[in-house]
Amino acid sequence: MTIETIERQLGRELPPAYKHFLGQFSENAIISFRCDEEALNRGNWTFVGANGLQQALDVKRSPGLPWWQILHRHWLDSAPRTAGHLSAQDEQAVRMRVAVAYDEGDILYIDALNDFRVGVYLHDSNELIDSGIDLEDIFSSMSIIYSA
């Protein structure tokens, strides 16, 4: 699977700045940055490289699900159900959030339905926070601590 495959599944192209960033490392990069959204501010985030984004998760109920869709797995496990059914509209919205980085169980994502704005999934509270911050703003203020 390639980045182009992810773009086909989304029905839109990933931001050029993100694709350029992915070209700077192969496996992962640990970065730090500061921004206005407190939920995003950490010591550092581990950004997953192009190969890792496409790596299949080893989970029983979603075999073969690529890592970039990990939020879909969390959503299936914890989404509110109405009369025993999952909302197709909510599921589609979650599928359009591309996981890009992680830190202590939390997931940083970009939202293809919201101009690829950055958000975070907080694992402990099972909460999605859409920050409204551009990925380019993060890249302009980041420091790369490690990359491989």
Protein backbone atom coordinates (compact mmCIF):
# COMPACT_ATOMS: atom_id res chain seq x y z
CA MET A 1 0.00 0.00 0.00
CA THR A 2 1.26 3.48 -0.81
CA ILE A 3 0.38 7.03 0.23
CA GLU A 4 -1.58 7.19 -3.03
CA THR A 5 -3.67 4.25 -1.79
CA ILE A 6 -4.54 6.18 1.37
CA GLU A 7 -5.48 9.17 -0.78
CA ARG A 8 -7.72 7.00 -2.95
CA GLN A 9 -9.45 5.62 0.14
CA LEU A 10 -10.00 9.16 1.43
CA GLY A 11 -11.06 10.48 -1.98
CA ARG A 12 -8.67 13.43 -1.58
CA GLU A 13 -4.98 14.20 -1.54
CA LEU A 14 -3.04 14.50 1.69
CA PRO A 15 -1.56 17.97 2.26
CA PRO A 16 1.71 18.57 0.36
CA ALA A 17 3.44 19.72 3.57
CA TYR A 18 2.56 16.39 5.22
CA LYS A 19 3.81 14.35 2.26
CA HIS A 20 7.04 16.39 2.25
CA PHE A 21 7.41 15.75 6.00
CA LEU A 22 6.95 11.98 5.46
CA GLY A 23 9.74 12.09 2.87
CA GLN A 24 12.22 13.20 5.55
CA PHE A 25 12.23 9.86 7.43
CA SER A 26 11.36 6.25 6.76
CA GLU A 27 10.15 4.66 10.01
CA ASN A 28 9.21 7.33 12.56
CA ALA A 29 10.17 10.72 13.92
CA ILE A 30 9.87 11.98 17.46
CA ILE A 31 9.08 15.67 17.47
CA SER A 32 8.16 18.35 19.96
CA PHE A 33 6.13 21.50 19.30
CA ARG A 34 4.02 24.04 21.15
CA CYS A 35 0.64 25.33 20.03
CA ASP A 36 -2.48 27.06 21.34
CA GLU A 37 -4.38 23.80 21.93
CA GLU A 38 -3.29 22.52 25.33
CA ALA A 39 -4.36 18.93 24.56
CA LEU A 40 -1.72 18.78 21.81
CA ASN A 41 1.15 20.08 23.92
CA ARG A 42 3.35 17.20 25.11
CA GLY A 43 6.96 16.51 25.70
CA ASN A 44 6.94 14.90 22.26
CA TRP A 45 4.87 12.99 19.71
CA THR A 46 6.02 10.01 17.65
CA PHE A 47 5.05 10.59 14.02
CA VAL A 48 4.62 7.39 12.03
CA GLY A 49 6.41 7.10 8.68
CA ALA A 50 4.75 6.17 5.41
CA ASN A 51 5.50 2.46 5.89
CA GLY A 52 4.11 2.45 9.43
CA LEU A 53 0.93 4.29 8.42
CA GLN A 54 0.12 1.42 6.14
CA GLN A 55 1.15 -1.39 8.48
CA ALA A 56 -1.73 -3.70 9.36
CA LEU A 57 -2.89 -3.68 12.97
CA ASP A 58 -2.76 -6.96 14.81
CA VAL A 59 -6.21 -6.87 16.40
CA LYS A 60 -8.80 -9.64 16.44
CA ARG A 61 -11.87 -7.69 15.35
CA SER A 62 -10.14 -5.62 12.64
CA PRO A 63 -7.50 -7.81 11.00
CA GLY A 64 -5.64 -5.97 8.28
CA LEU A 65 -6.83 -2.49 9.29
CA PRO A 66 -3.95 -0.09 8.52
CA TRP A 67 -2.46 1.93 11.38
CA TRP A 68 -3.63 5.25 9.92
CA GLN A 69 -7.20 4.06 10.57
CA ILE A 70 -6.61 3.17 14.23
CA LEU A 71 -9.24 5.73 15.30
CA HIS A 72 -11.84 3.63 13.51
CA ARG A 73 -10.92 0.68 15.74
CA HIS A 74 -11.25 2.82 18.88
CA TRP A 75 -14.58 4.16 17.60
CA LEU A 76 -15.96 0.67 16.97
CA ASP A 77 -14.96 -0.33 20.50
CA SER A 78 -16.52 2.64 22.24
CA ALA A 79 -18.97 4.48 19.98
CA PRO A 80 -22.42 5.25 21.34
CA ARG A 81 -24.95 2.92 19.83
CA THR A 82 -28.50 3.92 19.02
CA ALA A 83 -30.87 0.97 19.27
CA GLY A 84 -27.88 -1.35 18.86
CA HIS A 85 -26.71 0.24 15.59
CA LEU A 86 -23.68 2.36 14.79
CA SER A 87 -24.32 5.58 12.89
CA ALA A 88 -23.01 5.26 9.31
CA GLN A 89 -22.50 9.03 9.20
CA ASP A 90 -20.37 8.97 12.35
CA GLU A 91 -18.43 5.98 11.10
CA GLN A 92 -17.64 7.76 7.81
CA ALA A 93 -16.45 10.85 9.70
CA VAL A 94 -14.11 8.71 11.82
CA ARG A 95 -12.78 6.93 8.72
CA MET A 96 -11.77 10.33 7.33
CA ARG A 97 -9.50 11.07 10.32
CA VAL A 98 -5.96 10.00 9.47
CA ALA A 99 -3.86 8.97 12.48
CA VAL A 100 -0.39 10.47 12.07
CA ALA A 101 1.30 10.29 15.50
CA TYR A 102 0.94 8.85 19.00
CA ASP A 103 1.96 9.52 22.58
CA GLU A 104 1.07 7.36 25.60
CA GLY A 105 -2.08 5.94 23.99
CA ASP A 106 -3.29 9.27 22.59
CA ILE A 107 -3.47 9.69 18.82
CA LEU A 108 -2.75 12.84 16.81
CA TYR A 109 -4.78 12.93 13.60
CA ILE A 110 -5.57 15.09 10.60
CA ASP A 111 -9.20 15.38 9.51
CA ALA A 112 -9.80 15.00 5.78
CA LEU A 113 -13.33 16.43 6.20
CA ASN A 114 -12.00 19.59 7.87
CA ASP A 115 -9.21 20.75 5.54
CA PHE A 116 -6.81 18.34 7.26
CA ARG A 117 -6.90 20.29 10.51
CA VAL A 118 -5.17 18.63 13.45
CA GLY A 119 -7.00 16.92 16.27
CA VAL A 120 -6.24 14.53 19.08
CA TYR A 121 -7.91 11.40 20.41
CA LEU A 122 -7.47 11.22 24.19
CA HIS A 123 -7.40 7.54 25.04
CA ASP A 124 -8.08 7.81 28.78
CA SER A 125 -11.25 9.88 28.35
CA ASN A 126 -12.20 8.44 24.92
CA GLU A 127 -12.54 11.99 23.60
CA LEU A 128 -11.85 13.55 20.19
CA ILE A 129 -10.68 17.16 20.23
CA ASP A 130 -10.65 18.96 16.89
CA SER A 131 -8.12 21.76 17.41
CA GLY A 132 -8.65 23.72 14.20
CA ILE A 133 -4.87 24.03 13.90
CA ASP A 134 -3.19 23.60 10.51
CA LEU A 135 -0.58 20.88 10.23
CA GLU A 136 1.74 23.46 8.64
CA ASP A 137 1.59 25.48 11.89
CA ILE A 138 2.87 22.45 13.79
CA PHE A 139 5.62 21.80 11.25
CA SER A 140 6.75 25.43 11.41
CA SER A 141 7.25 25.23 15.20
CA MET A 142 8.52 21.66 15.61
CA SER A 143 11.84 20.33 16.70
CA ILE A 144 12.83 16.86 15.49
CA ILE A 145 14.31 14.96 18.40
CA TYR A 146 14.87 11.66 16.58
CA SER A 147 14.12 10.16 13.17
CA ALA A 148 14.81 6.84 11.53
